[in-house]
């Protein structure tokens, strides 16, 4: 699946599907590190039974999810979930733009 297809799929996914998706990503990342569930849970500070529930069923508390993210060194990506919204510059009305042009014109003539 391409990143675009994956993104489109996630937009339409149910909460249950999103939980399963995140659980699979956590499992895959743990396996890439060649850690057992026991090792990873201990390193993350999560009870093994709680971690297994998170990884297998996508169920758990937000705190458990964040501990897993931290153990995977992924917390720095959380800012991507809520990017800083830059205020949009106010668009000047036609009258305001004309007035600004008049001011610049009169200043350049002086």
PDB file of N, CA and C in Angstrom:
ATOM      1  N   UNK A   1       0.848  -1.176   0.000  1.00  0.00           N
ATOM      2  CA  UNK A   1       0.000   0.000   0.000  1.00  0.00           C
ATOM      3  C   UNK A   1       0.897   1.244   0.000  1.00  0.00           C
ATOM      4  N   UNK A   2       0.615   2.158  -0.882  1.00  0.00           N
ATOM      5  CA  UNK A   2       1.405   3.390  -0.951  1.00  0.00           C
ATOM      6  C   UNK A   2       1.046   4.286   0.239  1.00  0.00           C
ATOM      7  N   UNK A   3       1.915   5.243   0.584  1.00  0.00           N
ATOM      8  CA  UNK A   3       1.578   6.173   1.671  1.00  0.00           C
ATOM      9  C   UNK A   3       0.260   6.914   1.422  1.00  0.00           C
ATOM     10  N   UNK A   4      -0.003   7.258   0.174  1.00  0.00           N
ATOM     11  CA  UNK A   4      -1.251   7.960  -0.151  1.00  0.00           C
ATOM     12  C   UNK A   4      -2.458   7.056   0.094  1.00  0.00           C
ATOM     13  N   UNK A   5      -2.340   5.793  -0.306  1.00  0.00           N
ATOM     14  CA  UNK A   5      -3.429   4.841  -0.092  1.00  0.00           C
ATOM     15  C   UNK A   5      -3.636   4.593   1.403  1.00  0.00           C
ATOM     16  N   UNK A   6      -2.525   4.477   2.123  1.00  0.00           N
ATOM     17  CA  UNK A   6      -2.612   4.260   3.565  1.00  0.00           C
ATOM     18  C   UNK A   6      -3.289   5.456   4.239  1.00  0.00           C
ATOM     19  N   UNK A   7      -2.915   6.647   3.834  1.00  0.00           N
ATOM     20  CA  UNK A   7      -3.523   7.860   4.382  1.00  0.00           C
ATOM     21  C   UNK A   7      -5.021   7.897   4.107  1.00  0.00           C
ATOM     22  N   UNK A   8      -5.401   7.560   2.894  1.00  0.00           N
ATOM     23  CA  UNK A   8      -6.819   7.538   2.528  1.00  0.00           C
ATOM     24  C   UNK A   8      -7.572   6.488   3.341  1.00  0.00           C
ATOM     25  N   UNK A   9      -6.949   5.337   3.519  1.00  0.00           N
ATOM     26  CA  UNK A   9      -7.568   4.271   4.313  1.00  0.00           C
ATOM     27  C   UNK A   9      -7.786   4.729   5.755  1.00  0.00           C
ATOM     28  N   UNK A  10      -6.792   5.401   6.324  1.00  0.00           N
ATOM     29  CA  UNK A  10      -6.898   5.850   7.710  1.00  0.00           C
ATOM     30  C   UNK A  10      -7.991   6.898   7.885  1.00  0.00           C
ATOM     31  N   UNK A  11      -8.209   7.718   6.869  1.00  0.00           N
ATOM     32  CA  UNK A  11      -9.267   8.735   6.946  1.00  0.00           C
ATOM     33  C   UNK A  11     -10.642   8.099   7.089  1.00  0.00           C
ATOM     34  N   UNK A  12     -10.804   6.909   6.513  1.00  0.00           N
ATOM     35  CA  UNK A  12     -12.108   6.241   6.501  1.00  0.00           C
ATOM     36  C   UNK A  12     -12.230   5.143   7.558  1.00  0.00           C
ATOM     37  N   UNK A  13     -11.168   4.908   8.314  1.00  0.00           N
ATOM     38  CA  UNK A  13     -11.145   3.795   9.263  1.00  0.00           C
ATOM     39  C   UNK A  13     -11.987   4.087  10.500  1.00  0.00           C
ATOM     40  N   UNK A  14     -12.535   3.023  11.053  1.00  0.00           N
ATOM     41  CA  UNK A  14     -13.280   3.125  12.313  1.00  0.00           C
ATOM     42  C   UNK A  14     -12.273   3.227  13.462  1.00  0.00           C
ATOM     43  N   UNK A  15     -12.765   3.561  14.647  1.00  0.00           N
ATOM     44  CA  UNK A  15     -11.885   3.620  15.815  1.00  0.00           C
ATOM     45  C   UNK A  15     -11.223   2.270  16.064  1.00  0.00           C
ATOM     46  N   UNK A  16     -11.980   1.204  15.897  1.00  0.00           N
ATOM     47  CA  UNK A  16     -11.441  -0.142  16.100  1.00  0.00           C
ATOM     48  C   UNK A  16     -10.313  -0.428  15.103  1.00  0.00           C
ATOM     49  N   UNK A  17     -10.515  -0.038  13.861  1.00  0.00           N
ATOM     50  CA  UNK A  17      -9.482  -0.239  12.837  1.00  0.00           C
ATOM     51  C   UNK A  17      -8.247   0.613  13.117  1.00  0.00           C
ATOM     52  N   UNK A  18      -8.458   1.823  13.615  1.00  0.00           N
ATOM     53  CA  UNK A  18      -7.321   2.683  13.949  1.00  0.00           C
ATOM     54  C   UNK A  18      -6.521   2.107  15.109  1.00  0.00           C
ATOM     55  N   UNK A  19      -7.210   1.567  16.097  1.00  0.00           N
ATOM     56  CA  UNK A  19      -6.521   0.930  17.225  1.00  0.00           C
ATOM     57  C   UNK A  19      -5.701  -0.267  16.752  1.00  0.00           C
ATOM     58  N   UNK A  20      -6.276  -1.074  15.870  1.00  0.00           N
ATOM     59  CA  UNK A  20      -5.561  -2.233  15.326  1.00  0.00           C
ATOM     60  C   UNK A  20      -4.358  -1.778  14.510  1.00  0.00           C
ATOM     61  N   UNK A  21      -4.513  -0.703  13.773  1.00  0.00           N
ATOM     62  CA  UNK A  21      -3.420  -0.147  12.964  1.00  0.00           C
ATOM     63  C   UNK A  21      -2.258   0.286  13.863  1.00  0.00           C
ATOM     64  N   UNK A  22      -2.571   1.035  14.920  1.00  0.00           N
ATOM     65  CA  UNK A  22      -1.520   1.494  15.836  1.00  0.00           C
ATOM     66  C   UNK A  22      -0.861   0.320  16.547  1.00  0.00           C
ATOM     67  N   UNK A  23      -1.659  -0.663  16.942  1.00  0.00           N
ATOM     68  CA  UNK A  23      -1.112  -1.850  17.603  1.00  0.00           C
ATOM     69  C   UNK A  23      -0.144  -2.580  16.676  1.00  0.00           C
ATOM     70  N   UNK A  24      -0.506  -2.705  15.414  1.00  0.00           N
ATOM     71  CA  UNK A  24       0.368  -3.375  14.443  1.00  0.00           C
ATOM     72  C   UNK A  24       1.663  -2.595  14.246  1.00  0.00           C
ATOM     73  N   UNK A  25       1.575  -1.278  14.233  1.00  0.00           N
ATOM     74  CA  UNK A  25       2.780  -0.448  14.080  1.00  0.00           C
ATOM     75  C   UNK A  25       3.708  -0.614  15.282  1.00  0.00           C
ATOM     76  N   UNK A  26       3.131  -0.651  16.468  1.00  0.00           N
ATOM     77  CA  UNK A  26       3.935  -0.844  17.680  1.00  0.00           C
ATOM     78  C   UNK A  26       4.594  -2.218  17.648  1.00  0.00           C
ATOM     79  N   UNK A  27       3.815  -3.247  17.312  1.00  0.00           N
ATOM     80  CA  UNK A  27       4.349  -4.616  17.244  1.00  0.00           C
ATOM     81  C   UNK A  27       5.502  -4.693  16.243  1.00  0.00           C
ATOM     82  N   UNK A  28       5.296  -4.129  15.063  1.00  0.00           N
ATOM     83  CA  UNK A  28       6.323  -4.164  14.016  1.00  0.00           C
ATOM     84  C   UNK A  28       7.601  -3.451  14.478  1.00  0.00           C
ATOM     85  N   UNK A  29       7.436  -2.302  15.117  1.00  0.00           N
ATOM     86  CA  UNK A  29       8.600  -1.550  15.599  1.00  0.00           C
ATOM     87  C   UNK A  29       9.355  -2.329  16.669  1.00  0.00           C
ATOM     88  N   UNK A  30       8.614  -2.989  17.554  1.00  0.00           N
ATOM     89  CA  UNK A  30       9.258  -3.799  18.596  1.00  0.00           C
ATOM     90  C   UNK A  30      10.047  -4.941  17.972  1.00  0.00           C
ATOM     91  N   UNK A  31       9.431  -5.600  16.990  1.00  0.00           N
ATOM     92  CA  UNK A  31      10.100  -6.733  16.346  1.00  0.00           C
ATOM     93  C   UNK A  31      11.331  -6.293  15.561  1.00  0.00           C
ATOM     94  N   UNK A  32      11.263  -5.108  14.958  1.00  0.00           N
ATOM     95  CA  UNK A  32      12.440  -4.594  14.244  1.00  0.00           C
ATOM     96  C   UNK A  32      13.606  -4.366  15.199  1.00  0.00           C
ATOM     97  N   UNK A  33      13.293  -4.088  16.455  1.00  0.00           N
ATOM     98  CA  UNK A  33      14.327  -3.907  17.480  1.00  0.00           C
ATOM     99  C   UNK A  33      14.771  -5.247  18.073  1.00  0.00           C
ATOM    100  N   UNK A  34      14.143  -6.315  17.589  1.00  0.00           N
ATOM    101  CA  UNK A  34      14.458  -7.676  18.035  1.00  0.00           C
ATOM    102  C   UNK A  34      14.282  -7.835  19.550  1.00  0.00           C
ATOM    103  N   UNK A  35      13.198  -7.252  20.052  1.00  0.00           N
ATOM    104  CA  UNK A  35      12.878  -7.366  21.474  1.00  0.00           C
ATOM    105  C   UNK A  35      11.655  -8.260  21.642  1.00  0.00           C
ATOM    106  N   UNK A  36      11.676  -9.047  22.682  1.00  0.00           N
ATOM    107  CA  UNK A  36      10.490  -9.841  23.015  1.00  0.00           C
ATOM    108  C   UNK A  36       9.472  -8.914  23.676  1.00  0.00           C
ATOM    109  N   UNK A  37       8.252  -9.397  23.788  1.00  0.00           N
ATOM    110  CA  UNK A  37       7.236  -8.611  24.489  1.00  0.00           C
ATOM    111  C   UNK A  37       7.654  -8.371  25.933  1.00  0.00           C
ATOM    112  N   UNK A  38       8.256  -9.369  26.541  1.00  0.00           N
ATOM    113  CA  UNK A  38       8.704  -9.254  27.934  1.00  0.00           C
ATOM    114  C   UNK A  38       9.752  -8.151  28.058  1.00  0.00           C
ATOM    115  N   UNK A  39      10.749  -8.171  27.182  1.00  0.00           N
ATOM    116  CA  UNK A  39      11.812  -7.162  27.226  1.00  0.00           C
ATOM    117  C   UNK A  39      11.264  -5.758  26.981  1.00  0.00           C
ATOM    118  N   UNK A  40      10.424  -5.646  25.962  1.00  0.00           N
ATOM    119  CA  UNK A  40       9.903  -4.331  25.607  1.00  0.00           C
ATOM    120  C   UNK A  40       9.023  -3.773  26.723  1.00  0.00           C
ATOM    121  N   UNK A  41       8.125  -4.597  27.241  1.00  0.00           N
ATOM    122  CA  UNK A  41       7.229  -4.144  28.309  1.00  0.00           C
ATOM    123  C   UNK A  41       8.025  -3.674  29.519  1.00  0.00           C
ATOM    124  N   UNK A  42       9.061  -4.430  29.873  1.00  0.00           N
ATOM    125  CA  UNK A  42       9.895  -4.048  31.017  1.00  0.00           C
ATOM    126  C   UNK A  42      10.596  -2.718  30.751  1.00  0.00           C
ATOM    127  N   UNK A  43      11.152  -2.575  29.569  1.00  0.00           N
ATOM    128  CA  UNK A  43      11.864  -1.337  29.231  1.00  0.00           C
ATOM    129  C   UNK A  43      10.919  -0.142  29.187  1.00  0.00           C
ATOM    130  N   UNK A  44       9.680  -0.373  28.748  1.00  0.00           N
ATOM    131  CA  UNK A  44       8.695   0.706  28.650  1.00  0.00           C
ATOM    132  C   UNK A  44       8.027   1.013  29.992  1.00  0.00           C
ATOM    133  N   UNK A  45       8.219   0.134  30.967  1.00  0.00           N
ATOM    134  CA  UNK A  45       7.579   0.340  32.269  1.00  0.00           C
ATOM    135  C   UNK A  45       6.096   0.004  32.246  1.00  0.00           C
ATOM    136  N   UNK A  46       5.759  -1.004  31.445  1.00  0.00           N
ATOM    137  CA  UNK A  46       4.366  -1.432  31.288  1.00  0.00           C
ATOM    138  C   UNK A  46       4.268  -2.881  31.759  1.00  0.00           C
ATOM    139  N   UNK A  47       3.225  -3.194  32.511  1.00  0.00           N
ATOM    140  CA  UNK A  47       3.004  -4.588  32.908  1.00  0.00           C
ATOM    141  C   UNK A  47       2.849  -5.430  31.642  1.00  0.00           C
ATOM    142  N   UNK A  48       3.416  -6.628  31.649  1.00  0.00           N
ATOM    143  CA  UNK A  48       3.401  -7.481  30.461  1.00  0.00           C
ATOM    144  C   UNK A  48       1.979  -7.735  29.963  1.00  0.00           C
ATOM    145  N   UNK A  49       1.084  -8.056  30.863  1.00  0.00           N
ATOM    146  CA  UNK A  49      -0.303  -8.330  30.463  1.00  0.00           C
ATOM    147  C   UNK A  49      -0.928  -7.097  29.789  1.00  0.00           C
ATOM    148  N   UNK A  50      -0.644  -5.923  30.324  1.00  0.00           N
ATOM    149  CA  UNK A  50      -1.161  -4.670  29.760  1.00  0.00           C
ATOM    150  C   UNK A  50      -0.569  -4.431  28.380  1.00  0.00           C
ATOM    151  N   UNK A  51       0.736  -4.685  28.252  1.00  0.00           N
ATOM    152  CA  UNK A  51       1.378  -4.485  26.953  1.00  0.00           C
ATOM    153  C   UNK A  51       0.831  -5.459  25.907  1.00  0.00           C
ATOM    154  N   UNK A  52       0.658  -6.706  26.298  1.00  0.00           N
ATOM    155  CA  UNK A  52       0.119  -7.694  25.353  1.00  0.00           C
ATOM    156  C   UNK A  52      -1.267  -7.278  24.865  1.00  0.00           C
ATOM    157  N   UNK A  53      -2.080  -6.734  25.764  1.00  0.00           N
ATOM    158  CA  UNK A  53      -3.418  -6.277  25.390  1.00  0.00           C
ATOM    159  C   UNK A  53      -3.320  -5.114  24.393  1.00  0.00           C
ATOM    160  N   UNK A  54      -2.372  -4.227  24.616  1.00  0.00           N
ATOM    161  CA  UNK A  54      -2.180  -3.096  23.697  1.00  0.00           C
ATOM    162  C   UNK A  54      -1.742  -3.592  22.323  1.00  0.00           C
ATOM    163  N   UNK A  55      -0.740  -4.445  22.305  1.00  0.00           N
ATOM    164  CA  UNK A  55      -0.179  -4.905  21.036  1.00  0.00           C
ATOM    165  C   UNK A  55      -1.109  -5.862  20.289  1.00  0.00           C
ATOM    166  N   UNK A  56      -1.802  -6.696  21.003  1.00  0.00           N
ATOM    167  CA  UNK A  56      -2.646  -7.703  20.370  1.00  0.00           C
ATOM    168  C   UNK A  56      -4.006  -7.168  19.945  1.00  0.00           C
ATOM    169  N   UNK A  57      -4.619  -6.380  20.816  1.00  0.00           N
ATOM    170  CA  UNK A  57      -5.994  -5.933  20.558  1.00  0.00           C
ATOM    171  C   UNK A  57      -6.120  -4.424  20.322  1.00  0.00           C
ATOM    172  N   UNK A  58      -5.034  -3.695  20.517  1.00  0.00           N
ATOM    173  CA  UNK A  58      -5.123  -2.243  20.379  1.00  0.00           C
ATOM    174  C   UNK A  58      -5.916  -1.617  21.507  1.00  0.00           C
ATOM    175  N   UNK A  59      -5.963  -2.300  22.645  1.00  0.00           N
ATOM    176  CA  UNK A  59      -6.722  -1.801  23.788  1.00  0.00           C
ATOM    177  C   UNK A  59      -5.776  -1.369  24.892  1.00  0.00           C
ATOM    178  N   UNK A  60      -6.121  -0.288  25.550  1.00  0.00           N
ATOM    179  CA  UNK A  60      -5.315   0.181  26.665  1.00  0.00           C
ATOM    180  C   UNK A  60      -5.565   1.652  26.920  1.00  0.00           C
ATOM    181  N   UNK A  61      -4.899   2.135  27.912  1.00  0.00           N
ATOM    182  CA  UNK A  61      -5.018   3.546  28.269  1.00  0.00           C
ATOM    183  C   UNK A  61      -4.055   4.382  27.428  1.00  0.00           C
ATOM    184  N   UNK A  62      -4.363   5.633  27.322  1.00  0.00           N
ATOM    185  CA  UNK A  62      -3.494   6.557  26.596  1.00  0.00           C
ATOM    186  C   UNK A  62      -2.087   6.553  27.197  1.00  0.00           C
ATOM    187  N   UNK A  63      -1.995   6.482  28.508  1.00  0.00           N
ATOM    188  CA  UNK A  63      -0.695   6.458  29.173  1.00  0.00           C
ATOM    189  C   UNK A  63       0.133   5.247  28.721  1.00  0.00           C
ATOM    190  N   UNK A  64      -0.503   4.108  28.551  1.00  0.00           N
ATOM    191  CA  UNK A  64       0.193   2.907  28.081  1.00  0.00           C
ATOM    192  C   UNK A  64       0.722   3.123  26.670  1.00  0.00           C
ATOM    193  N   UNK A  65      -0.111   3.699  25.828  1.00  0.00           N
ATOM    194  CA  UNK A  65       0.291   3.999  24.450  1.00  0.00           C
ATOM    195  C   UNK A  65       1.490   4.950  24.444  1.00  0.00           C
ATOM    196  N   UNK A  66       1.445   5.979  25.293  1.00  0.00           N
ATOM    197  CA  UNK A  66       2.547   6.947  25.343  1.00  0.00           C
ATOM    198  C   UNK A  66       3.834   6.316  25.874  1.00  0.00           C
ATOM    199  N   UNK A  67       3.717   5.405  26.818  1.00  0.00           N
ATOM    200  CA  UNK A  67       4.906   4.698  27.310  1.00  0.00           C
ATOM    201  C   UNK A  67       5.520   3.859  26.196  1.00  0.00           C
ATOM    202  N   UNK A  68       4.675   3.220  25.402  1.00  0.00           N
ATOM    203  CA  UNK A  68       5.174   2.432  24.269  1.00  0.00           C
ATOM    204  C   UNK A  68       5.843   3.346  23.249  1.00  0.00           C
ATOM    205  N   UNK A  69       5.223   4.481  22.957  1.00  0.00           N
ATOM    206  CA  UNK A  69       5.836   5.438  22.023  1.00  0.00           C
ATOM    207  C   UNK A  69       7.186   5.910  22.532  1.00  0.00           C
ATOM    208  N   UNK A  70       7.253   6.196  23.812  1.00  0.00           N
ATOM    209  CA  UNK A  70       8.503   6.660  24.409  1.00  0.00           C
ATOM    210  C   UNK A  70       9.587   5.589  24.300  1.00  0.00           C
ATOM    211  N   UNK A  71       9.222   4.348  24.573  1.00  0.00           N
ATOM    212  CA  UNK A  71      10.187   3.247  24.476  1.00  0.00           C
ATOM    213  C   UNK A  71      10.663   3.056  23.037  1.00  0.00           C
ATOM    214  N   UNK A  72       9.820   3.425  22.077  1.00  0.00           N
ATOM    215  CA  UNK A  72      10.189   3.329  20.658  1.00  0.00           C
ATOM    216  C   UNK A  72      10.870   4.609  20.165  1.00  0.00           C
ATOM    217  N   UNK A  73      11.055   5.554  21.070  1.00  0.00           N
ATOM    218  CA  UNK A  73      11.650   6.855  20.742  1.00  0.00           C
ATOM    219  C   UNK A  73      10.861   7.546  19.625  1.00  0.00           C
ATOM    220  N   UNK A  74       9.542   7.597  19.812  1.00  0.00           N
ATOM    221  CA  UNK A  74       8.671   8.199  18.798  1.00  0.00           C
ATOM    222  C   UNK A  74       7.870   9.395  19.328  1.00  0.00           C
ATOM    223  N   UNK A  75       8.043   9.772  20.579  1.00  0.00           N
ATOM    224  CA  UNK A  75       7.241  10.866  21.148  1.00  0.00           C
ATOM    225  C   UNK A  75       7.471  12.193  20.434  1.00  0.00           C
ATOM    226  N   UNK A  76       8.643  12.367  19.861  1.00  0.00           N
ATOM    227  CA  UNK A  76       8.913  13.642  19.182  1.00  0.00           C
ATOM    228  C   UNK A  76       8.055  13.826  17.930  1.00  0.00           C
ATOM    229  N   UNK A  77       7.358  12.779  17.513  1.00  0.00           N
ATOM    230  CA  UNK A  77       6.457  12.907  16.357  1.00  0.00           C
ATOM    231  C   UNK A  77       5.051  13.371  16.749  1.00  0.00           C
ATOM    232  N   UNK A  78       4.765  13.451  18.027  1.00  0.00           N
ATOM    233  CA  UNK A  78       3.426  13.848  18.463  1.00  0.00           C
ATOM    234  C   UNK A  78       3.054  15.248  17.989  1.00  0.00           C
ATOM    235  N   UNK A  79       4.048  16.109  17.842  1.00  0.00           N
ATOM    236  CA  UNK A  79       3.737  17.468  17.373  1.00  0.00           C
ATOM    237  C   UNK A  79       3.153  17.462  15.961  1.00  0.00           C
ATOM    238  N   UNK A  80       3.370  16.405  15.213  1.00  0.00           N
ATOM    239  CA  UNK A  80       2.809  16.319  13.862  1.00  0.00           C
ATOM    240  C   UNK A  80       1.298  16.091  13.884  1.00  0.00           C
ATOM    241  N   UNK A  81       0.798  15.602  15.009  1.00  0.00           N
ATOM    242  CA  UNK A  81      -0.646  15.380  15.117  1.00  0.00           C
ATOM    243  C   UNK A  81      -1.425  16.688  15.192  1.00  0.00           C
ATOM    244  N   UNK A  82      -0.802  17.687  15.806  1.00  0.00           N
ATOM    245  CA  UNK A  82      -1.465  18.977  15.983  1.00  0.00           C
ATOM    246  C   UNK A  82      -0.503  20.090  15.596  1.00  0.00           C
ATOM    247  N   UNK A  83      -0.283  20.269  14.304  1.00  0.00           N
ATOM    248  CA  UNK A  83       0.676  21.295  13.884  1.00  0.00           C
ATOM    249  C   UNK A  83       0.214  22.676  14.315  1.00  0.00           C
ATOM    250  N   UNK A  84       1.193  23.517  14.571  1.00  0.00           N
ATOM    251  CA  UNK A  84       0.901  24.888  14.981  1.00  0.00           C
ATOM    252  C   UNK A  84       0.197  25.599  13.842  1.00  0.00           C
ATOM    253  N   UNK A  85      -0.955  26.138  14.126  1.00  0.00           N
ATOM    254  CA  UNK A  85      -1.709  26.857  13.103  1.00  0.00           C
ATOM    255  C   UNK A  85      -1.259  28.307  13.071  1.00  0.00           C
ATOM    256  N   UNK A  86      -0.704  28.690  11.961  1.00  0.00           N
ATOM    257  CA  UNK A  86      -0.322  30.081  11.769  1.00  0.00           C
ATOM    258  C   UNK A  86      -1.578  30.884  11.480  1.00  0.00           C
ATOM    259  N   UNK A  87      -1.740  32.026  12.147  1.00  0.00           N
ATOM    260  CA  UNK A  87      -2.902  32.842  11.811  1.00  0.00           C
ATOM    261  C   UNK A  87      -2.790  33.318  10.370  1.00  0.00           C
ATOM    262  N   UNK A  88      -3.902  33.237   9.680  1.00  0.00           N
ATOM    263  CA  UNK A  88      -3.897  33.675   8.290  1.00  0.00           C
ATOM    264  C   UNK A  88      -3.861  35.192   8.254  1.00  0.00           C
ATOM    265  N   UNK A  89      -3.028  35.735   7.388  1.00  0.00           N
ATOM    266  CA  UNK A  89      -2.994  37.194   7.307  1.00  0.00           C
ATOM    267  C   UNK A  89      -4.352  37.716   6.845  1.00  0.00           C
ATOM    268  N   UNK A  90      -4.749  38.801   7.455  1.00  0.00           N
ATOM    269  CA  UNK A  90      -6.032  39.395   7.095  1.00  0.00           C
ATOM    270  C   UNK A  90      -5.920  39.985   5.704  1.00  0.00           C
ATOM    271  N   UNK A  91      -6.881  39.681   4.883  1.00  0.00           N
ATOM    272  CA  UNK A  91      -6.904  40.215   3.524  1.00  0.00           C
ATOM    273  C   UNK A  91      -7.487  41.618   3.572  1.00  0.00           C
ATOM    274  N   UNK A  92      -6.755  42.542   2.986  1.00  0.00           N
ATOM    275  CA  UNK A  92      -7.230  43.923   2.958  1.00  0.00           C
ATOM    276  C   UNK A  92      -8.368  44.067   1.964  1.00  0.00           C
ATOM    277  N   UNK A  93      -9.297  44.917   2.314  1.00  0.00           N
ATOM    278  CA  UNK A  93     -10.390  45.202   1.387  1.00  0.00           C
ATOM    279  C   UNK A  93      -9.840  46.030   0.226  1.00  0.00           C
ATOM    280  N   UNK A  94     -10.612  46.138  -0.816  1.00  0.00           N
ATOM    281  CA  UNK A  94     -10.206  46.934  -1.975  1.00  0.00           C
ATOM    282  C   UNK A  94      -9.937  48.371  -1.559  1.00  0.00           C
ATOM    283  N   UNK A  95     -10.792  48.917  -0.706  1.00  0.00           N
ATOM    284  CA  UNK A  95     -10.604  50.297  -0.247  1.00  0.00           C
ATOM    285  C   UNK A  95      -9.299  50.446   0.523  1.00  0.00           C
ATOM    286  N   UNK A  96      -8.991  49.478   1.383  1.00  0.00           N
ATOM    287  CA  UNK A  96      -7.754  49.539   2.166  1.00  0.00           C
ATOM    288  C   UNK A  96      -6.527  49.438   1.263  1.00  0.00           C
ATOM    289  N   UNK A  97      -6.592  48.585   0.254  1.00  0.00           N
ATOM    290  CA  UNK A  97      -5.468  48.465  -0.680  1.00  0.00           C
ATOM    291  C   UNK A  97      -5.269  49.749  -1.473  1.00  0.00           C
ATOM    292  N   UNK A  98      -6.365  50.342  -1.925  1.00  0.00           N
ATOM    293  CA  UNK A  98      -6.261  51.609  -2.668  1.00  0.00           C
ATOM    294  C   UNK A  98      -5.678  52.707  -1.790  1.00  0.00           C
ATOM    295  N   UNK A  99      -6.114  52.755  -0.541  1.00  0.00           N
ATOM    296  CA  UNK A  99      -5.589  53.761   0.391  1.00  0.00           C
ATOM    297  C   UNK A  99      -4.091  53.555   0.623  1.00  0.00           C
ATOM    298  N   UNK A 100      -3.674  52.313   0.768  1.00  0.00           N
ATOM    299  CA  UNK A 100      -2.250  52.023   0.956  1.00  0.00           C
ATOM    300  C   UNK A 100      -1.451  52.436  -0.268  1.00  0.00           C
ATOM    301  N   UNK A 101      -2.000  52.197  -1.457  1.00  0.00           N
ATOM    302  CA  UNK A 101      -1.312  52.606  -2.695  1.00  0.00           C
ATOM    303  C   UNK A 101      -1.205  54.123  -2.767  1.00  0.00           C
ATOM    304  N   UNK A 102      -2.267  54.823  -2.360  1.00  0.00           N
ATOM    305  CA  UNK A 102      -2.235  56.293  -2.362  1.00  0.00           C
ATOM    306  C   UNK A 102      -1.157  56.802  -1.417  1.00  0.00           C
ATOM    307  N   UNK A 103      -1.062  56.193  -0.232  1.00  0.00           N
ATOM    308  CA  UNK A 103      -0.054  56.618   0.746  1.00  0.00           C
ATOM    309  C   UNK A 103       1.349  56.401   0.198  1.00  0.00           C
ATOM    310  N   UNK A 104       1.590  55.230  -0.382  1.00  0.00           N
ATOM    311  CA  UNK A 104       2.923  54.955  -0.941  1.00  0.00           C
ATOM    312  C   UNK A 104       3.243  55.924  -2.066  1.00  0.00           C
ATOM    313  N   UNK A 105       2.246  56.206  -2.881  1.00  0.00           N
ATOM    314  CA  UNK A 105       2.436  57.116  -4.009  1.00  0.00           C
ATOM    315  C   UNK A 105       2.754  58.522  -3.519  1.00  0.00           C
ATOM    316  N   UNK A 106       2.020  58.980  -2.508  1.00  0.00           N
ATOM    317  CA  UNK A 106       2.267  60.337  -1.999  1.00  0.00           C
ATOM    318  C   UNK A 106       3.604  60.412  -1.276  1.00  0.00           C
ATOM    319  N   UNK A 107       4.015  59.331  -0.596  1.00  0.00           N
ATOM    320  CA  UNK A 107       5.309  59.316   0.089  1.00  0.00           C
ATOM    321  C   UNK A 107       6.458  59.315  -0.909  1.00  0.00           C
ATOM    322  N   UNK A 108       6.293  58.622  -2.012  1.00  0.00           N
ATOM    323  CA  UNK A 108       7.367  58.581  -3.014  1.00  0.00           C
ATOM    324  C   UNK A 108       7.466  59.891  -3.782  1.00  0.00           C
ATOM    325  N   UNK A 109       6.381  60.652  -3.850  1.00  0.00           N
ATOM    326  CA  UNK A 109       6.398  61.946  -4.537  1.00  0.00           C
ATOM    327  C   UNK A 109       7.008  63.032  -3.670  1.00  0.00           C
ATOM    328  N   UNK A 110       7.114  62.827  -2.387  1.00  0.00           N
ATOM    329  CA  UNK A 110       7.668  63.845  -1.471  1.00  0.00           C
ATOM    330  C   UNK A 110       9.134  63.736  -1.330  1.00  0.00           C
TER     331      UNK A 110
END
